Amino acid sequence: FGLESARNLRIARHQVAAAMGAEPDRVFFTSGG
């Protein structure tokens, strides 16, 4: 159940990185701007 959430987190990082034109491992989530 936790590993499924971890997979979703990886997918989310890739999605935000793709929208930014960034490398996924260089995008770090925060609470906002």
ModelCIF file with pLDDT and N, C-alpha, C, O atoms, coordinates in Angstrom:
data_MODEL
#
_entry.id   MODEL 
#
_entity.id                         1 
_entity.type                       polymer 
_entity.pdbx_number_of_molecules   1 
#
_entity_poly.entity_id                      1 
_entity_poly.type                           'polypeptide(L)' 
_entity_poly.nstd_linkage                   no 
_entity_poly.nstd_monomer                   no 
_entity_poly.pdbx_seq_one_letter_code       FGLESARNLRIARHQVAAAMGAEPDRVFFTSGG 
_entity_poly.pdbx_seq_one_letter_code_can   FGLESARNLRIARHQVAAAMGAEPDRVFFTSGG 
_entity_poly.pdbx_strand_id                 A 
#
loop_
_entity_poly_seq.entity_id 
_entity_poly_seq.num 
_entity_poly_seq.mon_id 
_entity_poly_seq.hetero 
1 1  PHE n 
1 2  GLY n 
1 3  LEU n 
1 4  GLU n 
1 5  SER n 
1 6  ALA n 
1 7  ARG n 
1 8  ASN n 
1 9  LEU n 
1 10 ARG n 
1 11 ILE n 
1 12 ALA n 
1 13 ARG n 
1 14 HIS n 
1 15 GLN n 
1 16 VAL n 
1 17 ALA n 
1 18 ALA n 
1 19 ALA n 
1 20 MET n 
1 21 GLY n 
1 22 ALA n 
1 23 GLU n 
1 24 PRO n 
1 25 ASP n 
1 26 ARG n 
1 27 VAL n 
1 28 PHE n 
1 29 PHE n 
1 30 THR n 
1 31 SER n 
1 32 GLY n 
1 33 GLY n 
#
_struct_asym.id          A 
_struct_asym.entity_id   1 
#
loop_
_ma_qa_metric.id 
_ma_qa_metric.mode 
_ma_qa_metric.name 
_ma_qa_metric.software_group_id 
_ma_qa_metric.type 
1 global pLDDT . pLDDT 
2 local  pLDDT . pLDDT 
#
_ma_qa_metric_global.metric_id      1 
_ma_qa_metric_global.metric_value   97.70 
_ma_qa_metric_global.model_id       1 
_ma_qa_metric_global.ordinal_id     1 
#
loop_
_ma_qa_metric_local.label_asym_id 
_ma_qa_metric_local.label_comp_id 
_ma_qa_metric_local.label_seq_id 
_ma_qa_metric_local.metric_id 
_ma_qa_metric_local.metric_value 
_ma_qa_metric_local.model_id 
_ma_qa_metric_local.ordinal_id 
A PHE 1  2 95.00 1 1  
A GLY 2  2 96.00 1 2  
A LEU 3  2 97.00 1 3  
A GLU 4  2 97.00 1 4  
A SER 5  2 97.00 1 5  
A ALA 6  2 97.00 1 6  
A ARG 7  2 98.00 1 7  
A ASN 8  2 98.00 1 8  
A LEU 9  2 98.00 1 9  
A ARG 10 2 98.00 1 10 
A ILE 11 2 98.00 1 11 
A ALA 12 2 98.00 1 12 
A ARG 13 2 98.00 1 13 
A HIS 14 2 98.00 1 14 
A GLN 15 2 98.00 1 15 
A VAL 16 2 98.00 1 16 
A ALA 17 2 98.00 1 17 
A ALA 18 2 98.00 1 18 
A ALA 19 2 98.00 1 19 
A MET 20 2 98.00 1 20 
A GLY 21 2 98.00 1 21 
A ALA 22 2 98.00 1 22 
A GLU 23 2 98.00 1 23 
A PRO 24 2 98.00 1 24 
A ASP 25 2 97.00 1 25 
A ARG 26 2 98.00 1 26 
A VAL 27 2 98.00 1 27 
A PHE 28 2 98.00 1 28 
A PHE 29 2 98.00 1 29 
A THR 30 2 98.00 1 30 
A SER 31 2 98.00 1 31 
A GLY 32 2 98.00 1 32 
A GLY 33 2 98.00 1 33 
#
loop_
_atom_site.group_PDB 
_atom_site.id 
_atom_site.type_symbol 
_atom_site.label_atom_id 
_atom_site.label_alt_id 
_atom_site.label_comp_id 
_atom_site.label_asym_id 
_atom_site.label_entity_id 
_atom_site.label_seq_id 
_atom_site.pdbx_PDB_ins_code 
_atom_site.Cartn_x 
_atom_site.Cartn_y 
_atom_site.Cartn_z 
_atom_site.occupancy 
_atom_site.B_iso_or_equiv 
_atom_site.pdbx_formal_charge 
_atom_site.auth_seq_id 
_atom_site.auth_comp_id 
_atom_site.auth_asym_id 
_atom_site.auth_atom_id 
_atom_site.pdbx_PDB_model_num 
ATOM 1   N N  . PHE A 1 1  ? 0.827  -1.203 0.000   1.00 95.00 ? 1  PHE A N  1 
ATOM 2   C CA . PHE A 1 1  ? 0.000  0.000  0.000   1.00 95.00 ? 1  PHE A CA 1 
ATOM 3   C C  . PHE A 1 1  ? 0.864  1.257  0.000   1.00 95.00 ? 1  PHE A C  1 
ATOM 4   O O  . PHE A 1 1  ? 0.556  2.231  -0.686  1.00 95.00 ? 1  PHE A O  1 
ATOM 5   N N  . GLY A 1 2  ? 1.948  1.227  0.775   1.00 96.00 ? 2  GLY A N  1 
ATOM 6   C CA . GLY A 1 2  ? 2.865  2.353  0.787   1.00 96.00 ? 2  GLY A CA 1 
ATOM 7   C C  . GLY A 1 2  ? 3.664  2.459  -0.499  1.00 96.00 ? 2  GLY A C  1 
ATOM 8   O O  . GLY A 1 2  ? 3.897  3.557  -1.003  1.00 96.00 ? 2  GLY A O  1 
ATOM 9   N N  . LEU A 1 3  ? 4.088  1.307  -1.036  1.00 97.00 ? 3  LEU A N  1 
ATOM 10  C CA . LEU A 1 3  ? 4.849  1.316  -2.283  1.00 97.00 ? 3  LEU A CA 1 
ATOM 11  C C  . LEU A 1 3  ? 4.031  1.885  -3.435  1.00 97.00 ? 3  LEU A C  1 
ATOM 12  O O  . LEU A 1 3  ? 4.575  2.511  -4.344  1.00 97.00 ? 3  LEU A O  1 
ATOM 13  N N  . GLU A 1 4  ? 2.702  1.660  -3.389  1.00 97.00 ? 4  GLU A N  1 
ATOM 14  C CA . GLU A 1 4  ? 1.841  2.245  -4.416  1.00 97.00 ? 4  GLU A CA 1 
ATOM 15  C C  . GLU A 1 4  ? 1.871  3.767  -4.343  1.00 97.00 ? 4  GLU A C  1 
ATOM 16  O O  . GLU A 1 4  ? 1.904  4.446  -5.369  1.00 97.00 ? 4  GLU A O  1 
ATOM 17  N N  . SER A 1 5  ? 1.859  4.294  -3.125  1.00 97.00 ? 5  SER A N  1 
ATOM 18  C CA . SER A 1 5  ? 1.963  5.745  -2.967  1.00 97.00 ? 5  SER A CA 1 
ATOM 19  C C  . SER A 1 5  ? 3.318  6.252  -3.442  1.00 97.00 ? 5  SER A C  1 
ATOM 20  O O  . SER A 1 5  ? 3.407  7.322  -4.044  1.00 97.00 ? 5  SER A O  1 
ATOM 21  N N  . ALA A 1 6  ? 4.368  5.491  -3.173  1.00 97.00 ? 6  ALA A N  1 
ATOM 22  C CA . ALA A 1 6  ? 5.700  5.883  -3.631  1.00 97.00 ? 6  ALA A CA 1 
ATOM 23  C C  . ALA A 1 6  ? 5.752  5.934  -5.159  1.00 97.00 ? 6  ALA A C  1 
ATOM 24  O O  . ALA A 1 6  ? 6.364  6.833  -5.735  1.00 97.00 ? 6  ALA A O  1 
ATOM 25  N N  . ARG A 1 7  ? 5.111  4.967  -5.806  1.00 98.00 ? 7  ARG A N  1 
ATOM 26  C CA . ARG A 1 7  ? 5.053  4.988  -7.279  1.00 98.00 ? 7  ARG A CA 1 
ATOM 27  C C  . ARG A 1 7  ? 4.295  6.227  -7.764  1.00 98.00 ? 7  ARG A C  1 
ATOM 28  O O  . ARG A 1 7  ? 4.712  6.880  -8.720  1.00 98.00 ? 7  ARG A O  1 
ATOM 29  N N  . ASN A 1 8  ? 3.193  6.541  -7.106  1.00 98.00 ? 8  ASN A N  1 
ATOM 30  C CA . ASN A 1 8  ? 2.424  7.732  -7.490  1.00 98.00 ? 8  ASN A CA 1 
ATOM 31  C C  . ASN A 1 8  ? 3.243  9.005  -7.306  1.00 98.00 ? 8  ASN A C  1 
ATOM 32  O O  . ASN A 1 8  ? 3.132  9.939  -8.099  1.00 98.00 ? 8  ASN A O  1 
ATOM 33  N N  . LEU A 1 9  ? 4.057  9.039  -6.265  1.00 98.00 ? 9  LEU A N  1 
ATOM 34  C CA . LEU A 1 9  ? 4.921  10.201 -6.035  1.00 98.00 ? 9  LEU A CA 1 
ATOM 35  C C  . LEU A 1 9  ? 5.951  10.338 -7.150  1.00 98.00 ? 9  LEU A C  1 
ATOM 36  O O  . LEU A 1 9  ? 6.215  11.445 -7.619  1.00 98.00 ? 9  LEU A O  1 
ATOM 37  N N  . ARG A 1 10 ? 6.528  9.227  -7.574  1.00 98.00 ? 10 ARG A N  1 
ATOM 38  C CA . ARG A 1 10 ? 7.496  9.279  -8.681  1.00 98.00 ? 10 ARG A CA 1 
ATOM 39  C C  . ARG A 1 10 ? 6.833  9.768  -9.960  1.00 98.00 ? 10 ARG A C  1 
ATOM 40  O O  . ARG A 1 10 ? 7.397  10.581 -10.692 1.00 98.00 ? 10 ARG A O  1 
ATOM 41  N N  . ILE A 1 11 ? 5.631  9.267  -10.225 1.00 98.00 ? 11 ILE A N  1 
ATOM 42  C CA . ILE A 1 11 ? 4.912  9.705  -11.422 1.00 98.00 ? 11 ILE A CA 1 
ATOM 43  C C  . ILE A 1 11 ? 4.632  11.202 -11.355 1.00 98.00 ? 11 ILE A C  1 
ATOM 44  O O  . ILE A 1 11 ? 4.794  11.919 -12.342 1.00 98.00 ? 11 ILE A O  1 
ATOM 45  N N  . ALA A 1 12 ? 4.207  11.669 -10.167 1.00 98.00 ? 12 ALA A N  1 
ATOM 46  C CA . ALA A 1 12 ? 3.925  13.094 -10.002 1.00 98.00 ? 12 ALA A CA 1 
ATOM 47  C C  . ALA A 1 12 ? 5.163  13.944 -10.258 1.00 98.00 ? 12 ALA A C  1 
ATOM 48  O O  . ALA A 1 12 ? 5.081  14.989 -10.903 1.00 98.00 ? 12 ALA A O  1 
ATOM 49  N N  . ARG A 1 13 ? 6.301  13.499 -9.756  1.00 98.00 ? 13 ARG A N  1 
ATOM 50  C CA . ARG A 1 13 ? 7.543  14.250 -9.960  1.00 98.00 ? 13 ARG A CA 1 
ATOM 51  C C  . ARG A 1 13 ? 7.883  14.324 -11.452 1.00 98.00 ? 13 ARG A C  1 
ATOM 52  O O  . ARG A 1 13 ? 8.308  15.367 -11.949 1.00 98.00 ? 13 ARG A O  1 
ATOM 53  N N  . HIS A 1 14 ? 7.693  13.215 -12.151 1.00 98.00 ? 14 HIS A N  1 
ATOM 54  C CA . HIS A 1 14 ? 7.943  13.206 -13.593 1.00 98.00 ? 14 HIS A CA 1 
ATOM 55  C C  . HIS A 1 14 ? 6.978  14.147 -14.325 1.00 98.00 ? 14 HIS A C  1 
ATOM 56  O O  . HIS A 1 14 ? 7.370  14.820 -15.279 1.00 98.00 ? 14 HIS A O  1 
ATOM 57  N N  . GLN A 1 15 ? 5.728  14.192 -13.880 1.00 98.00 ? 15 GLN A N  1 
ATOM 58  C CA . GLN A 1 15 ? 4.757  15.061 -14.543 1.00 98.00 ? 15 GLN A CA 1 
ATOM 59  C C  . GLN A 1 15 ? 5.111  16.532 -14.366 1.00 98.00 ? 15 GLN A C  1 
ATOM 60  O O  . GLN A 1 15 ? 5.080  17.294 -15.332 1.00 98.00 ? 15 GLN A O  1 
ATOM 61  N N  . VAL A 1 16 ? 5.443  16.937 -13.158 1.00 98.00 ? 16 VAL A N  1 
ATOM 62  C CA . VAL A 1 16 ? 5.811  18.333 -12.924 1.00 98.00 ? 16 VAL A CA 1 
ATOM 63  C C  . VAL A 1 16 ? 7.111  18.659 -13.652 1.00 98.00 ? 16 VAL A C  1 
ATOM 64  O O  . VAL A 1 16 ? 7.242  19.731 -14.242 1.00 98.00 ? 16 VAL A O  1 
ATOM 65  N N  . ALA A 1 17 ? 8.067  17.739 -13.612 1.00 98.00 ? 17 ALA A N  1 
ATOM 66  C CA . ALA A 1 17 ? 9.340  17.967 -14.303 1.00 98.00 ? 17 ALA A CA 1 
ATOM 67  C C  . ALA A 1 17 ? 9.131  18.121 -15.804 1.00 98.00 ? 17 ALA A C  1 
ATOM 68  O O  . ALA A 1 17 ? 9.747  18.982 -16.433 1.00 98.00 ? 17 ALA A O  1 
ATOM 69  N N  . ALA A 1 18 ? 8.270  17.296 -16.378 1.00 98.00 ? 18 ALA A N  1 
ATOM 70  C CA . ALA A 1 18 ? 8.003  17.384 -17.812 1.00 98.00 ? 18 ALA A CA 1 
ATOM 71  C C  . ALA A 1 18 ? 7.396  18.735 -18.164 1.00 98.00 ? 18 ALA A C  1 
ATOM 72  O O  . ALA A 1 18 ? 7.749  19.325 -19.185 1.00 98.00 ? 18 ALA A O  1 
ATOM 73  N N  . ALA A 1 19 ? 6.484  19.229 -17.326 1.00 98.00 ? 19 ALA A N  1 
ATOM 74  C CA . ALA A 1 19 ? 5.875  20.524 -17.585 1.00 98.00 ? 19 ALA A CA 1 
ATOM 75  C C  . ALA A 1 19 ? 6.885  21.661 -17.478 1.00 98.00 ? 19 ALA A C  1 
ATOM 76  O O  . ALA A 1 19 ? 6.744  22.683 -18.149 1.00 98.00 ? 19 ALA A O  1 
ATOM 77  N N  . MET A 1 20 ? 7.907  21.489 -16.636 1.00 98.00 ? 20 MET A N  1 
ATOM 78  C CA . MET A 1 20 ? 8.944  22.503 -16.465 1.00 98.00 ? 20 MET A CA 1 
ATOM 79  C C  . MET A 1 20 ? 10.096 22.343 -17.450 1.00 98.00 ? 20 MET A C  1 
ATOM 80  O O  . MET A 1 20 ? 10.926 23.242 -17.586 1.00 98.00 ? 20 MET A O  1 
ATOM 81  N N  . GLY A 1 21 ? 10.153 21.202 -18.137 1.00 98.00 ? 21 GLY A N  1 
ATOM 82  C CA . GLY A 1 21 ? 11.323 20.915 -18.962 1.00 98.00 ? 21 GLY A CA 1 
ATOM 83  C C  . GLY A 1 21 ? 12.536 20.629 -18.108 1.00 98.00 ? 21 GLY A C  1 
ATOM 84  O O  . GLY A 1 21 ? 13.645 21.066 -18.417 1.00 98.00 ? 21 GLY A O  1 
ATOM 85  N N  . ALA A 1 22 ? 12.321 19.889 -17.026 1.00 98.00 ? 22 ALA A N  1 
ATOM 86  C CA . ALA A 1 22 ? 13.365 19.650 -16.031 1.00 98.00 ? 22 ALA A CA 1 
ATOM 87  C C  . ALA A 1 22 ? 13.678 18.169 -15.911 1.00 98.00 ? 22 ALA A C  1 
ATOM 88  O O  . ALA A 1 22 ? 12.892 17.320 -16.330 1.00 98.00 ? 22 ALA A O  1 
ATOM 89  N N  . GLU A 1 23 ? 14.838 17.868 -15.333 1.00 98.00 ? 23 GLU A N  1 
ATOM 90  C CA . GLU A 1 23 ? 15.171 16.507 -14.982 1.00 98.00 ? 23 GLU A CA 1 
ATOM 91  C C  . GLU A 1 23 ? 14.360 16.123 -13.740 1.00 98.00 ? 23 GLU A C  1 
ATOM 92  O O  . GLU A 1 23 ? 14.362 16.872 -12.763 1.00 98.00 ? 23 GLU A O  1 
ATOM 93  N N  . PRO A 1 24 ? 13.671 14.987 -13.749 1.00 98.00 ? 24 PRO A N  1 
ATOM 94  C CA . PRO A 1 24 ? 12.801 14.652 -12.606 1.00 98.00 ? 24 PRO A CA 1 
ATOM 95  C C  . PRO A 1 24 ? 13.524 14.632 -11.263 1.00 98.00 ? 24 PRO A C  1 
ATOM 96  O O  . PRO A 1 24 ? 12.950 15.003 -10.240 1.00 98.00 ? 24 PRO A O  1 
ATOM 97  N N  . ASP A 1 25 ? 14.778 14.200 -11.268 1.00 97.00 ? 25 ASP A N  1 
ATOM 98  C CA . ASP A 1 25 ? 15.478 14.109 -9.975  1.00 97.00 ? 25 ASP A CA 1 
ATOM 99  C C  . ASP A 1 25 ? 15.975 15.464 -9.475  1.00 97.00 ? 25 ASP A C  1 
ATOM 100 O O  . ASP A 1 25 ? 16.631 15.544 -8.436  1.00 97.00 ? 25 ASP A O  1 
ATOM 101 N N  . ARG A 1 26 ? 15.660 16.532 -10.222 1.00 98.00 ? 26 ARG A N  1 
ATOM 102 C CA . ARG A 1 26 ? 16.054 17.876 -9.787  1.00 98.00 ? 26 ARG A CA 1 
ATOM 103 C C  . ARG A 1 26 ? 14.857 18.710 -9.350  1.00 98.00 ? 26 ARG A C  1 
ATOM 104 O O  . ARG A 1 26 ? 14.997 19.905 -9.094  1.00 98.00 ? 26 ARG A O  1 
ATOM 105 N N  . VAL A 1 27 ? 13.687 18.096 -9.262  1.00 98.00 ? 27 VAL A N  1 
ATOM 106 C CA . VAL A 1 27 ? 12.466 18.787 -8.840  1.00 98.00 ? 27 VAL A CA 1 
ATOM 107 C C  . VAL A 1 27 ? 12.109 18.336 -7.431  1.00 98.00 ? 27 VAL A C  1 
ATOM 108 O O  . VAL A 1 27 ? 11.956 17.140 -7.181  1.00 98.00 ? 27 VAL A O  1 
ATOM 109 N N  . PHE A 1 28 ? 11.976 19.290 -6.503  1.00 98.00 ? 28 PHE A N  1 
ATOM 110 C CA . PHE A 1 28 ? 11.713 18.975 -5.110  1.00 98.00 ? 28 PHE A CA 1 
ATOM 111 C C  . PHE A 1 28 ? 10.440 19.691 -4.669  1.00 98.00 ? 28 PHE A C  1 
ATOM 112 O O  . PHE A 1 28 ? 10.316 20.906 -4.823  1.00 98.00 ? 28 PHE A O  1 
ATOM 113 N N  . PHE A 1 29 ? 9.504  18.935 -4.125  1.00 98.00 ? 29 PHE A N  1 
ATOM 114 C CA . PHE A 1 29 ? 8.204  19.484 -3.764  1.00 98.00 ? 29 PHE A CA 1 
ATOM 115 C C  . PHE A 1 29 ? 8.288  20.321 -2.487  1.00 98.00 ? 29 PHE A C  1 
ATOM 116 O O  . PHE A 1 29 ? 9.019  19.994 -1.552  1.00 98.00 ? 29 PHE A O  1 
ATOM 117 N N  . THR A 1 30 ? 7.523  21.400 -2.478  1.00 98.00 ? 30 THR A N  1 
ATOM 118 C CA . THR A 1 30 ? 7.415  22.298 -1.330  1.00 98.00 ? 30 THR A CA 1 
ATOM 119 C C  . THR A 1 30 ? 5.925  22.553 -1.066  1.00 98.00 ? 30 THR A C  1 
ATOM 120 O O  . THR A 1 30 ? 5.057  21.984 -1.727  1.00 98.00 ? 30 THR A O  1 
ATOM 121 N N  . SER A 1 31 ? 5.655  23.408 -0.100  1.00 98.00 ? 31 SER A N  1 
ATOM 122 C CA . SER A 1 31 ? 4.262  23.756 0.191   1.00 98.00 ? 31 SER A CA 1 
ATOM 123 C C  . SER A 1 31 ? 3.747  24.866 -0.711  1.00 98.00 ? 31 SER A C  1 
ATOM 124 O O  . SER A 1 31 ? 2.573  25.226 -0.625  1.00 98.00 ? 31 SER A O  1 
ATOM 125 N N  . GLY A 1 32 ? 4.590  25.416 -1.571  1.00 98.00 ? 32 GLY A N  1 
ATOM 126 C CA . GLY A 1 32 ? 4.161  26.469 -2.477  1.00 98.00 ? 32 GLY A CA 1 
ATOM 127 C C  . GLY A 1 32 ? 5.316  27.323 -2.938  1.00 98.00 ? 32 GLY A C  1 
ATOM 128 O O  . GLY A 1 32 ? 6.474  27.042 -2.630  1.00 98.00 ? 32 GLY A O  1 
ATOM 129 N N  . GLY A 1 33 ? 4.993  28.378 -3.683  1.00 98.00 ? 33 GLY A N  1 
ATOM 130 C CA . GLY A 1 33 ? 6.029  29.253 -4.211  1.00 98.00 ? 33 GLY A CA 1 
ATOM 131 C C  . GLY A 1 33 ? 6.767  30.025 -3.138  1.00 98.00 ? 33 GLY A C  1 
ATOM 132 O O  . GLY A 1 33 ? 7.670  30.803 -3.448  1.00 98.00 ? 33 GLY A O  1 
#
